[in-house]
N, C-alpha and C. Protein backbone atom coordinates (compact mmCIF):
# COMPACT_ATOMS: atom_id res chain seq x y z
N MET A 1 158.01 -3.03 113.01
CA MET A 1 158.08 -1.65 112.33
C MET A 1 159.20 -1.72 111.45
N ALA A 2 159.11 -1.11 110.07
CA ALA A 2 160.22 -0.93 108.96
C ALA A 2 161.35 -0.24 109.55
N THR A 3 162.46 -0.36 109.22
CA THR A 3 163.41 0.77 109.10
C THR A 3 163.04 1.88 108.89
N LEU A 4 163.22 3.17 109.69
CA LEU A 4 162.71 4.66 109.27
C LEU A 4 164.09 4.65 108.46
N LYS A 5 163.63 6.20 107.31
CA LYS A 5 164.76 6.45 106.76
C LYS A 5 164.73 8.07 107.00
N ARG A 6 166.01 8.76 107.21
CA ARG A 6 166.02 9.98 107.24
C ARG A 6 166.40 10.58 105.99
N ALA A 7 165.79 11.98 105.91
CA ALA A 7 165.48 12.61 105.01
C ALA A 7 165.85 14.13 105.58
N THR A 8 166.69 15.11 104.93
CA THR A 8 166.09 17.07 105.08
C THR A 8 165.32 16.88 104.41
N VAL A 9 164.44 17.75 104.99
CA VAL A 9 163.07 18.45 104.04
C VAL A 9 163.56 20.12 104.55
N TYR A 10 163.33 21.16 103.94
CA TYR A 10 162.88 22.27 104.02
C TYR A 10 161.94 23.19 103.71
N PHE A 11 161.43 23.19 104.63
CA PHE A 11 159.78 23.80 104.99
C PHE A 11 159.78 25.22 104.62
N ASP A 12 159.09 26.23 104.06
CA ASP A 12 158.96 27.52 104.04
C ASP A 12 158.59 27.73 105.48
N PRO A 13 159.00 28.78 105.94
CA PRO A 13 158.54 29.25 107.93
C PRO A 13 156.99 29.23 108.21
N SER A 14 156.41 29.57 107.04
CA SER A 14 154.96 29.68 107.85
C SER A 14 154.01 28.03 107.79
N LEU A 15 154.59 27.36 106.62
CA LEU A 15 154.01 26.05 106.57
C LEU A 15 154.99 25.57 107.81
N HIS A 16 155.92 25.22 108.31
CA HIS A 16 156.91 24.71 109.34
C HIS A 16 155.90 25.25 110.78
N LYS A 17 155.65 26.30 110.78
CA LYS A 17 155.10 26.69 112.06
C LYS A 17 153.65 25.98 111.92
N ALA A 18 152.99 26.24 110.77
CA ALA A 18 151.81 25.52 111.18
C ALA A 18 151.91 23.95 111.15
N LEU A 19 152.88 23.42 110.97
CA LEU A 19 152.89 22.12 111.05
C LEU A 19 153.51 21.90 112.74
N ARG A 20 154.19 22.56 113.27
CA ARG A 20 154.03 22.60 114.58
C ARG A 20 153.28 22.39 115.34
N ILE A 21 152.75 24.08 115.21
CA ILE A 21 150.97 23.92 115.54
C ILE A 21 149.97 22.42 115.70
N LYS A 22 149.87 22.39 114.73
CA LYS A 22 148.97 20.86 114.22
C LYS A 22 149.71 20.00 115.29
N ALA A 23 151.04 19.40 114.91
CA ALA A 23 151.49 18.47 115.75
C ALA A 23 151.33 18.67 117.12
N ALA A 24 151.38 19.66 117.71
CA ALA A 24 151.24 19.63 119.32
C ALA A 24 149.52 19.89 119.12
N ALA A 25 148.66 20.17 118.74
CA ALA A 25 147.78 19.87 118.68
C ALA A 25 146.98 18.71 119.07
N THR A 26 147.46 17.56 118.00
CA THR A 26 147.11 16.37 117.69
C THR A 26 147.69 15.43 118.42
N GLU A 27 149.04 16.16 118.97
CA GLU A 27 149.73 15.25 119.76
C GLU A 27 150.62 14.11 118.96
N ARG A 28 150.84 14.43 117.83
CA ARG A 28 151.42 13.73 116.54
C ARG A 28 153.11 14.57 116.09
N SER A 29 154.13 13.69 115.64
CA SER A 29 155.04 14.16 115.18
C SER A 29 154.90 15.00 114.01
N LEU A 30 156.04 15.84 113.87
CA LEU A 30 155.73 16.29 111.99
C LEU A 30 156.52 15.35 111.47
N SER A 31 157.12 14.46 111.61
CA SER A 31 157.46 13.25 110.60
C SER A 31 155.86 12.28 110.67
N ASP A 32 155.33 12.27 111.47
CA ASP A 32 154.29 11.30 111.09
C ASP A 32 153.13 12.24 110.30
N LEU A 33 153.03 13.71 110.74
CA LEU A 33 152.50 14.02 109.57
C LEU A 33 152.42 14.47 108.38
N VAL A 34 153.78 14.40 108.20
CA VAL A 34 154.46 14.47 106.74
C VAL A 34 154.20 12.99 106.03
N ASN A 35 154.64 12.06 106.86
CA ASN A 35 154.13 10.38 106.66
C ASN A 35 153.06 10.62 106.10
N SER A 36 151.92 11.21 106.87
CA SER A 36 150.39 10.49 106.72
C SER A 36 150.00 11.28 105.27
N ALA A 37 150.66 12.95 105.41
CA ALA A 37 150.11 13.36 103.90
C ALA A 37 150.77 13.35 102.35
N ILE A 38 152.12 12.50 102.56
CA ILE A 38 152.66 12.11 101.31
C ILE A 38 151.91 10.65 101.18
N ARG A 39 151.73 9.91 102.11
CA ARG A 39 151.14 8.68 101.77
C ARG A 39 149.78 9.25 101.20
N ALA A 40 148.83 9.65 101.76
CA ALA A 40 147.63 10.43 100.84
C ALA A 40 147.69 11.18 99.62
N SER A 41 148.75 11.68 99.45
CA SER A 41 148.90 12.28 98.17
C SER A 41 149.27 11.42 96.93
N LEU A 42 150.19 10.10 97.54
CA LEU A 42 150.50 9.44 96.65
C LEU A 42 149.31 8.54 96.65
N ALA A 43 148.52 8.08 97.38
CA ALA A 43 147.24 7.29 97.12
C ALA A 43 146.36 7.66 96.19
N GLU A 44 146.38 9.43 96.04
CA GLU A 44 145.37 10.06 95.44
C GLU A 44 145.59 9.80 93.82
N ASP A 45 147.14 10.11 93.95
CA ASP A 45 148.02 9.74 92.57
C ASP A 45 147.49 8.28 91.89
N ALA A 46 147.75 7.44 92.63
CA ALA A 46 147.34 6.19 92.59
C ALA A 46 146.14 6.03 91.81
N GLU A 47 145.59 6.33 92.29
CA GLU A 47 143.72 6.45 92.07
C GLU A 47 143.13 7.27 90.89
N ASP A 48 144.05 8.54 90.67
CA ASP A 48 144.13 8.87 89.31
C ASP A 48 144.38 8.42 88.13
N LEU A 49 145.72 7.58 88.48
CA LEU A 49 146.09 6.89 87.77
C LEU A 49 145.43 5.74 87.17
N ALA A 50 144.46 5.02 88.02
CA ALA A 50 143.89 3.76 87.70
C ALA A 50 142.88 4.19 87.07
N ALA A 51 142.09 5.23 87.43
CA ALA A 51 140.80 5.89 86.53
C ALA A 51 141.35 6.46 85.24
N PHE A 52 142.22 6.80 84.71
CA PHE A 52 142.79 7.19 83.53
C PHE A 52 143.35 5.92 82.47
N GLY A 53 143.76 4.88 83.57
CA GLY A 53 144.08 3.38 82.73
C GLY A 53 142.81 2.72 82.44
N ALA A 54 141.86 3.29 83.04
CA ALA A 54 140.60 2.58 82.94
C ALA A 54 139.37 3.14 81.79
N ARG A 55 139.55 4.14 81.44
CA ARG A 55 139.24 4.91 80.79
C ARG A 55 139.87 4.75 79.06
N ALA A 56 140.83 4.28 79.25
CA ALA A 56 142.08 4.92 78.36
C ALA A 56 141.46 4.34 76.84
N LYS A 57 140.59 3.67 76.93
CA LYS A 57 140.08 3.35 75.22
C LYS A 57 138.77 3.73 74.72
N GLU A 58 137.96 4.51 75.87
CA GLU A 58 137.05 5.42 75.45
C GLU A 58 137.51 6.82 74.34
N PRO A 59 136.58 6.55 73.98
CA PRO A 59 136.82 7.70 72.70
C PRO A 59 137.25 9.33 72.92
N SER A 60 137.75 10.24 72.25
CA SER A 60 137.82 11.52 73.22
C SER A 60 137.50 12.24 71.89
N PHE A 61 137.09 13.59 72.78
CA PHE A 61 135.89 14.12 71.73
C PHE A 61 136.62 15.81 71.75
N THR A 62 136.68 16.49 70.61
CA THR A 62 137.28 17.73 70.96
C THR A 62 136.05 18.67 71.36
N PHE A 63 136.66 20.13 72.45
CA PHE A 63 135.57 20.72 73.26
C PHE A 63 134.70 21.45 71.69
N GLU A 64 134.89 21.32 70.60
CA GLU A 64 134.14 21.98 69.40
C GLU A 64 133.15 20.58 69.10
N ASP A 65 133.58 19.83 69.41
CA ASP A 65 132.37 18.96 68.72
C ASP A 65 131.65 18.40 70.07
N VAL A 66 132.08 18.83 71.35
CA VAL A 66 130.98 18.18 72.34
C VAL A 66 130.14 19.92 72.05
N LEU A 67 130.43 20.92 72.19
CA LEU A 67 129.78 21.96 72.13
C LEU A 67 128.48 21.94 70.89
N LYS A 68 128.92 21.62 69.96
CA LYS A 68 128.39 21.24 68.48
C LYS A 68 126.98 20.35 69.14
N ASP A 69 127.54 19.33 69.54
CA ASP A 69 126.61 18.26 70.01
C ASP A 69 125.51 18.49 71.08
N LEU A 70 125.75 19.55 71.70
CA LEU A 70 124.68 19.99 73.34
C LEU A 70 123.78 20.68 72.46
N LYS A 71 124.53 21.96 71.27
CA LYS A 71 123.80 22.59 70.62
C LYS A 71 122.56 21.99 69.98
N ARG A 72 123.37 20.46 69.27
CA ARG A 72 122.26 20.01 68.39
C ARG A 72 121.27 19.19 69.47
N ARG A 73 121.25 18.87 70.23
CA ARG A 73 120.48 18.28 70.86
C ARG A 73 119.55 19.75 72.17
N GLY A 74 119.84 20.50 71.84
CA GLY A 74 119.14 21.71 72.77
C GLY A 74 119.29 22.11 74.20
N LYS A 75 120.44 21.62 74.54
CA LYS A 75 120.90 21.48 75.65
C LYS A 75 122.28 22.96 76.05
N LEU A 76 121.75 23.25 74.75
CA LEU A 76 122.74 25.13 74.76
C LEU A 76 122.10 25.80 74.30
């Protein structure tokens, strides 16, 4: 396992209480819960960035143009 790094993080009291309860209920440490949540958040960001990158060359349309097209095709 890689060497762990220590950081001081300040939680809202109600969030800290919820984390402590979840840690106890799942028999995991607060650090493990926080690391898992951050890892999931960063993975989601990476997926979003990849999706944006894949669609970067697609044409973009204004809202008004989309509305006009939908009305023209009888969808609105």
